[in-house]
Amino acid sequence: MIKFLAEYEDGSTEPFDIYRYDLRTGDHVAPIIAGERQREPIGFPQLKAGKIARVYRDPKITYLH
Protein backbone atom coordinates (compact mmCIF):
# COMPACT_ATOMS: atom_id res chain seq x y z
CA MET A 1 0.00 0.00 0.00
CA ILE A 2 1.14 3.51 -0.75
CA LYS A 3 -0.05 6.42 1.36
CA PHE A 4 -1.52 9.45 -0.45
CA LEU A 5 -3.04 12.71 0.73
CA ALA A 6 -6.16 14.25 -0.75
CA GLU A 7 -5.96 18.03 -0.38
CA TYR A 8 -9.27 19.86 -0.49
CA GLU A 9 -9.93 23.39 -1.73
CA ASP A 10 -10.33 24.56 1.88
CA GLY A 11 -6.74 23.46 2.59
CA SER A 12 -7.60 20.41 4.68
CA THR A 13 -6.04 17.06 3.88
CA GLU A 14 -7.12 13.49 4.36
CA PRO A 15 -4.87 10.44 4.04
CA PHE A 16 -5.80 7.34 2.09
CA ASP A 17 -4.03 4.24 0.79
CA ILE A 18 -3.73 2.87 -2.72
CA TYR A 19 -2.54 -0.59 -3.61
CA ARG A 20 0.79 -0.51 -5.43
CA TYR A 21 -0.75 -2.65 -8.19
CA ASP A 22 -3.40 0.02 -8.87
CA LEU A 23 -0.59 2.49 -9.60
CA ARG A 24 1.09 0.28 -12.21
CA THR A 25 0.40 2.86 -14.93
CA GLY A 26 1.55 5.78 -12.75
CA ASP A 27 0.43 8.18 -10.03
CA HIS A 28 -1.88 10.03 -12.45
CA VAL A 29 -4.64 7.56 -11.51
CA ALA A 30 -4.54 8.62 -7.83
CA PRO A 31 -7.06 11.51 -8.25
CA ILE A 32 -9.45 9.13 -10.01
CA ILE A 33 -9.16 6.64 -7.16
CA ALA A 34 -9.69 9.46 -4.63
CA GLY A 35 -12.93 10.39 -6.40
CA GLU A 36 -14.06 6.78 -6.30
CA ARG A 37 -13.31 6.65 -2.57
CA GLN A 38 -15.62 9.63 -2.08
CA ARG A 39 -18.48 8.05 -4.01
CA GLU A 40 -18.20 4.28 -3.46
CA PRO A 41 -15.32 3.26 -1.19
CA ILE A 42 -16.13 -0.51 -1.28
CA GLY A 43 -13.85 -1.99 1.35
CA PHE A 44 -11.94 1.21 2.12
CA PRO A 45 -12.61 4.13 4.48
CA GLN A 46 -14.63 6.79 2.70
CA LEU A 47 -13.00 10.14 1.92
CA LYS A 48 -15.00 13.14 3.08
CA ALA A 49 -17.14 15.07 0.63
CA GLY A 50 -15.79 18.22 -0.95
CA LYS A 51 -13.80 19.39 -3.95
CA ILE A 52 -10.38 17.77 -4.03
CA ALA A 53 -7.81 20.27 -5.28
CA ARG A 54 -4.90 17.84 -5.60
CA VAL A 55 -3.71 14.37 -4.65
CA TYR A 56 -0.11 13.54 -3.84
CA ARG A 57 2.03 10.92 -2.12
CA ASP A 58 2.45 11.48 1.59
CA PRO A 59 6.02 12.77 1.89
CA LYS A 60 6.37 11.38 5.44
CA ILE A 61 5.07 7.85 4.93
CA THR A 62 5.06 6.27 1.51
CA TYR A 63 4.98 2.51 2.02
CA LEU A 64 2.84 0.59 4.47
CA HIS A 65 3.70 -3.02 5.19
C-alpha atoms as a PDB file:
ATOM      1  CA  MET A   1       0.000   0.000   0.000  1.00  0.00           C
ATOM      2  CA  ILE A   2       1.144   3.512  -0.748  1.00  0.00           C
ATOM      3  CA  LYS A   3      -0.050   6.420   1.364  1.00  0.00           C
ATOM      4  CA  PHE A   4      -1.521   9.449  -0.447  1.00  0.00           C
ATOM      5  CA  LEU A   5      -3.045  12.715   0.727  1.00  0.00           C
ATOM      6  CA  ALA A   6      -6.161  14.254  -0.754  1.00  0.00           C
ATOM      7  CA  GLU A   7      -5.956  18.035  -0.375  1.00  0.00           C
ATOM      8  CA  TYR A   8      -9.274  19.855  -0.488  1.00  0.00           C
ATOM      9  CA  GLU A   9      -9.932  23.393  -1.734  1.00  0.00           C
ATOM     10  CA  ASP A  10     -10.333  24.563   1.881  1.00  0.00           C
ATOM     11  CA  GLY A  11      -6.742  23.464   2.594  1.00  0.00           C
ATOM     12  CA  SER A  12      -7.601  20.414   4.680  1.00  0.00           C
ATOM     13  CA  THR A  13      -6.038  17.060   3.882  1.00  0.00           C
ATOM     14  CA  GLU A  14      -7.123  13.490   4.355  1.00  0.00           C
ATOM     15  CA  PRO A  15      -4.865  10.438   4.045  1.00  0.00           C
ATOM     16  CA  PHE A  16      -5.799   7.336   2.090  1.00  0.00           C
ATOM     17  CA  ASP A  17      -4.030   4.243   0.791  1.00  0.00           C
ATOM     18  CA  ILE A  18      -3.728   2.872  -2.723  1.00  0.00           C
ATOM     19  CA  TYR A  19      -2.535  -0.594  -3.608  1.00  0.00           C
ATOM     20  CA  ARG A  20       0.788  -0.512  -5.432  1.00  0.00           C
ATOM     21  CA  TYR A  21      -0.753  -2.651  -8.186  1.00  0.00           C
ATOM     22  CA  ASP A  22      -3.399   0.022  -8.870  1.00  0.00           C
ATOM     23  CA  LEU A  23      -0.585   2.488  -9.602  1.00  0.00           C
ATOM     24  CA  ARG A  24       1.093   0.281 -12.205  1.00  0.00           C
ATOM     25  CA  THR A  25       0.398   2.862 -14.926  1.00  0.00           C
ATOM     26  CA  GLY A  26       1.545   5.776 -12.746  1.00  0.00           C
ATOM     27  CA  ASP A  27       0.426   8.184 -10.034  1.00  0.00           C
ATOM     28  CA  HIS A  28      -1.877  10.026 -12.448  1.00  0.00           C
ATOM     29  CA  VAL A  29      -4.639   7.556 -11.510  1.00  0.00           C
ATOM     30  CA  ALA A  30      -4.540   8.617  -7.833  1.00  0.00           C
ATOM     31  CA  PRO A  31      -7.061  11.510  -8.254  1.00  0.00           C
ATOM     32  CA  ILE A  32      -9.452   9.128 -10.013  1.00  0.00           C
ATOM     33  CA  ILE A  33      -9.159   6.637  -7.164  1.00  0.00           C
ATOM     34  CA  ALA A  34      -9.694   9.465  -4.629  1.00  0.00           C
ATOM     35  CA  GLY A  35     -12.932  10.394  -6.397  1.00  0.00           C
ATOM     36  CA  GLU A  36     -14.056   6.775  -6.303  1.00  0.00           C
ATOM     37  CA  ARG A  37     -13.306   6.647  -2.574  1.00  0.00           C
ATOM     38  CA  GLN A  38     -15.618   9.629  -2.075  1.00  0.00           C
ATOM     39  CA  ARG A  39     -18.483   8.053  -4.014  1.00  0.00           C
ATOM     40  CA  GLU A  40     -18.195   4.284  -3.457  1.00  0.00           C
ATOM     41  CA  PRO A  41     -15.320   3.262  -1.192  1.00  0.00           C
ATOM     42  CA  ILE A  42     -16.126  -0.508  -1.282  1.00  0.00           C
ATOM     43  CA  GLY A  43     -13.854  -1.994   1.349  1.00  0.00           C
ATOM     44  CA  PHE A  44     -11.937   1.211   2.123  1.00  0.00           C
ATOM     45  CA  PRO A  45     -12.606   4.128   4.479  1.00  0.00           C
ATOM     46  CA  GLN A  46     -14.628   6.788   2.705  1.00  0.00           C
ATOM     47  CA  LEU A  47     -13.004  10.142   1.923  1.00  0.00           C
ATOM     48  CA  LYS A  48     -14.999  13.143   3.077  1.00  0.00           C
ATOM     49  CA  ALA A  49     -17.141  15.071   0.633  1.00  0.00           C
ATOM     50  CA  GLY A  50     -15.786  18.216  -0.954  1.00  0.00           C
ATOM     51  CA  LYS A  51     -13.796  19.390  -3.949  1.00  0.00           C
ATOM     52  CA  ILE A  52     -10.376  17.765  -4.034  1.00  0.00           C
ATOM     53  CA  ALA A  53      -7.811  20.267  -5.277  1.00  0.00           C
ATOM     54  CA  ARG A  54      -4.902  17.835  -5.597  1.00  0.00           C
ATOM     55  CA  VAL A  55      -3.711  14.367  -4.654  1.00  0.00           C
ATOM     56  CA  TYR A  56      -0.108  13.535  -3.843  1.00  0.00           C
ATOM     57  CA  ARG A  57       2.029  10.922  -2.121  1.00  0.00           C
ATOM     58  CA  ASP A  58       2.450  11.483   1.592  1.00  0.00           C
ATOM     59  CA  PRO A  59       6.021  12.773   1.886  1.00  0.00           C
ATOM     60  CA  LYS A  60       6.367  11.382   5.443  1.00  0.00           C
ATOM     61  CA  ILE A  61       5.070   7.850   4.930  1.00  0.00           C
ATOM     62  CA  THR A  62       5.065   6.266   1.510  1.00  0.00           C
ATOM     63  CA  TYR A  63       4.981   2.507   2.017  1.00  0.00           C
ATOM     64  CA  LEU A  64       2.843   0.585   4.465  1.00  0.00           C
ATOM     65  CA  HIS A  65       3.702  -3.018   5.195  1.00  0.00           C
END
